[in-house]
Amino acid sequence: MTEIPASAITETFLAASGPGGQNVNKVATAVQMRVNVYALGLTPYAFRKLKTLAGRKMTQAGELVFTVREYRTREANRAEARRRLEEIIEQAHQRDPRRVKTRPSRAAKARRIDSKKKKSSVKRMRGKPSLD
C-alpha cells in the first residue's frame, strides 16, 4: 500500500443534501477531497491504470476528486472519502493478467464459413424472383 502524503490532499466541506432534517441546511457535512496524483509517486503502470479506473473523477490537472455526502457527520464522510481513495489506489497497483493470443481452430473456421453461406442464401432468397 502506498503511503498518501498529507500535502497531496485538500479537503473542503460542502452543504449536503439528503437525510439530516434541518441540520442539513445549517452544517456543511459533505466532503470534497482533491488528491494530487503526481505527488503520490506512482509507477507508470499504476498511473495509467489509475487514470482509466478514475475516469471522470480525474481532472486535466491530475487531481482525483471524491465528493462524499452519504453520512450525517463530517468525520464519517471524510473517512469514506479516504477509504475510496485507498481502494482505487490499491486497484491501480494490481496488474492485469497477460492476454494469451489464440487462433480459431480449423473446425471453428469451417463453422463460421458455413453459417455465412447459410445467411447469404437466405438473403438471396429474399430478393425479387427472376423471370427465367
Protein backbone atom coordinates (compact mmCIF):
# COMPACT_ATOMS: atom_id res chain seq x y z
CA MET A 1 0.00 0.00 0.00
CA THR A 2 1.33 3.41 -0.96
CA GLU A 3 1.61 5.99 1.80
CA ILE A 4 -0.51 9.02 0.91
CA PRO A 5 1.25 12.27 1.85
CA ALA A 6 -0.91 14.81 3.67
CA SER A 7 0.38 17.57 1.37
CA ALA A 8 -1.25 15.82 -1.62
CA ILE A 9 -4.76 16.01 -0.11
CA THR A 10 -7.02 19.06 0.17
CA GLU A 11 -10.48 18.80 1.68
CA THR A 12 -13.37 21.23 1.50
CA PHE A 13 -16.70 20.80 3.23
CA LEU A 14 -19.99 21.49 1.46
CA ALA A 15 -23.62 21.67 2.43
CA ALA A 16 -25.03 18.23 1.80
CA SER A 17 -28.47 17.18 0.66
CA GLY A 18 -30.30 14.14 1.95
CA PRO A 19 -31.01 12.92 5.48
CA GLY A 20 -30.42 15.17 8.46
CA GLY A 21 -33.54 17.29 8.77
CA GLN A 22 -32.95 20.99 9.37
CA ASN A 23 -29.36 20.22 10.31
CA VAL A 24 -28.58 19.78 6.59
CA ASN A 25 -29.33 23.44 5.97
CA LYS A 26 -27.04 24.65 8.77
CA VAL A 27 -23.97 22.39 8.72
CA ALA A 28 -21.53 21.62 5.89
CA THR A 29 -21.05 17.88 6.33
CA ALA A 30 -20.33 16.70 2.78
CA VAL A 31 -16.65 16.47 1.92
CA GLN A 32 -14.94 17.11 -1.40
CA MET A 33 -11.47 15.61 -1.31
CA ARG A 34 -8.92 16.50 -4.00
CA VAL A 35 -5.76 14.43 -4.33
CA ASN A 36 -2.75 15.45 -6.42
CA VAL A 37 -1.91 12.21 -8.23
CA TYR A 38 1.58 13.36 -9.20
CA ALA A 39 2.50 13.73 -5.51
CA LEU A 40 1.68 10.07 -4.84
CA GLY A 41 4.78 8.85 -6.70
CA LEU A 42 3.05 6.03 -8.56
CA THR A 43 4.78 3.77 -11.05
CA PRO A 44 3.95 4.47 -14.72
CA TYR A 45 1.80 1.32 -14.94
CA ALA A 46 -0.16 2.21 -11.78
CA PHE A 47 -0.61 5.80 -13.00
CA ARG A 48 -2.04 4.65 -16.37
CA LYS A 49 -4.38 2.19 -14.68
CA LEU A 50 -5.45 4.81 -12.13
CA LYS A 51 -6.39 7.17 -14.99
CA THR A 52 -8.63 4.51 -16.55
CA LEU A 53 -10.16 3.48 -13.22
CA ALA A 54 -10.83 7.07 -12.15
CA GLY A 55 -12.47 8.16 -15.40
CA ARG A 56 -14.36 11.42 -14.78
CA LYS A 57 -13.10 11.62 -11.19
CA MET A 58 -9.69 12.73 -12.51
CA THR A 59 -9.22 16.30 -13.74
CA GLN A 60 -6.94 17.55 -16.52
CA ALA A 61 -4.61 18.93 -13.84
CA GLY A 62 -4.05 15.43 -12.43
CA GLU A 63 -6.32 15.66 -9.41
CA LEU A 64 -8.62 12.92 -8.18
CA VAL A 65 -11.89 14.38 -6.86
CA PHE A 66 -14.09 12.46 -4.42
CA THR A 67 -17.34 14.02 -3.21
CA VAL A 68 -18.94 12.10 -0.35
CA ARG A 69 -22.25 13.04 1.22
CA GLU A 70 -23.52 9.69 2.45
CA TYR A 71 -23.34 10.30 6.18
CA ARG A 72 -24.56 12.99 8.56
CA THR A 73 -21.17 13.81 10.05
CA ARG A 74 -18.01 15.30 8.60
CA GLU A 75 -15.82 12.62 10.15
CA ALA A 76 -17.77 9.75 8.61
CA ASN A 77 -17.81 11.36 5.15
CA ARG A 78 -14.11 12.13 5.45
CA ALA A 79 -13.31 8.53 6.40
CA GLU A 80 -15.40 7.26 3.47
CA ALA A 81 -13.54 9.55 1.03
CA ARG A 82 -10.18 8.27 2.30
CA ARG A 83 -11.40 4.67 2.05
CA ARG A 84 -12.41 5.24 -1.59
CA LEU A 85 -9.02 6.80 -2.34
CA GLU A 86 -7.14 3.88 -0.79
CA GLU A 87 -9.34 1.40 -2.64
CA ILE A 88 -8.77 2.97 -6.07
CA ILE A 89 -5.00 3.23 -5.48
CA GLU A 90 -4.90 -0.41 -4.39
CA GLN A 91 -6.75 -1.44 -7.56
CA ALA A 92 -4.32 0.59 -9.68
CA HIS A 93 -1.37 -1.36 -8.26
CA GLN A 94 -2.87 -4.75 -9.21
CA ARG A 95 -1.51 -5.94 -12.54
CA ASP A 96 -3.89 -7.38 -15.12
CA PRO A 97 -3.09 -10.92 -16.30
CA ARG A 98 -1.32 -11.09 -19.64
CA ARG A 99 -3.54 -12.00 -22.57
CA VAL A 100 -2.55 -15.19 -24.36
CA LYS A 101 -3.15 -14.95 -28.09
CA THR A 102 -5.21 -17.79 -29.52
CA ARG A 103 -6.20 -18.79 -33.01
CA PRO A 104 -9.52 -20.26 -34.11
CA SER A 105 -9.38 -23.97 -34.91
CA ARG A 106 -9.98 -25.32 -38.41
CA ALA A 107 -13.40 -26.63 -37.34
CA ALA A 108 -14.37 -23.21 -35.92
CA LYS A 109 -13.37 -21.55 -39.21
CA ALA A 110 -15.45 -24.10 -41.15
CA ARG A 111 -18.50 -23.50 -38.92
CA ARG A 112 -18.15 -19.74 -39.45
CA ILE A 113 -17.96 -20.11 -43.23
CA ASP A 114 -20.96 -22.49 -43.24
CA SER A 115 -23.08 -20.06 -41.24
CA LYS A 116 -22.08 -17.20 -43.57
CA LYS A 117 -23.09 -19.28 -46.60
CA LYS A 118 -26.42 -20.15 -44.99
CA LYS A 119 -27.15 -16.50 -44.19
CA SER A 120 -26.21 -15.39 -47.71
CA SER A 121 -28.51 -17.98 -49.28
CA VAL A 122 -31.39 -16.85 -47.02
CA LYS A 123 -30.79 -13.23 -48.02
CA ARG A 124 -30.55 -14.19 -51.70
CA MET A 125 -33.99 -15.84 -51.46
CA ARG A 126 -35.48 -12.59 -50.12
CA GLY A 127 -34.88 -10.82 -53.43
CA LYS A 128 -37.40 -10.42 -56.25
CA PRO A 129 -37.98 -13.62 -58.22
CA SER A 130 -36.28 -13.67 -61.60
CA LEU A 131 -38.35 -14.23 -64.76
CA ASP A 132 -36.36 -17.06 -66.38
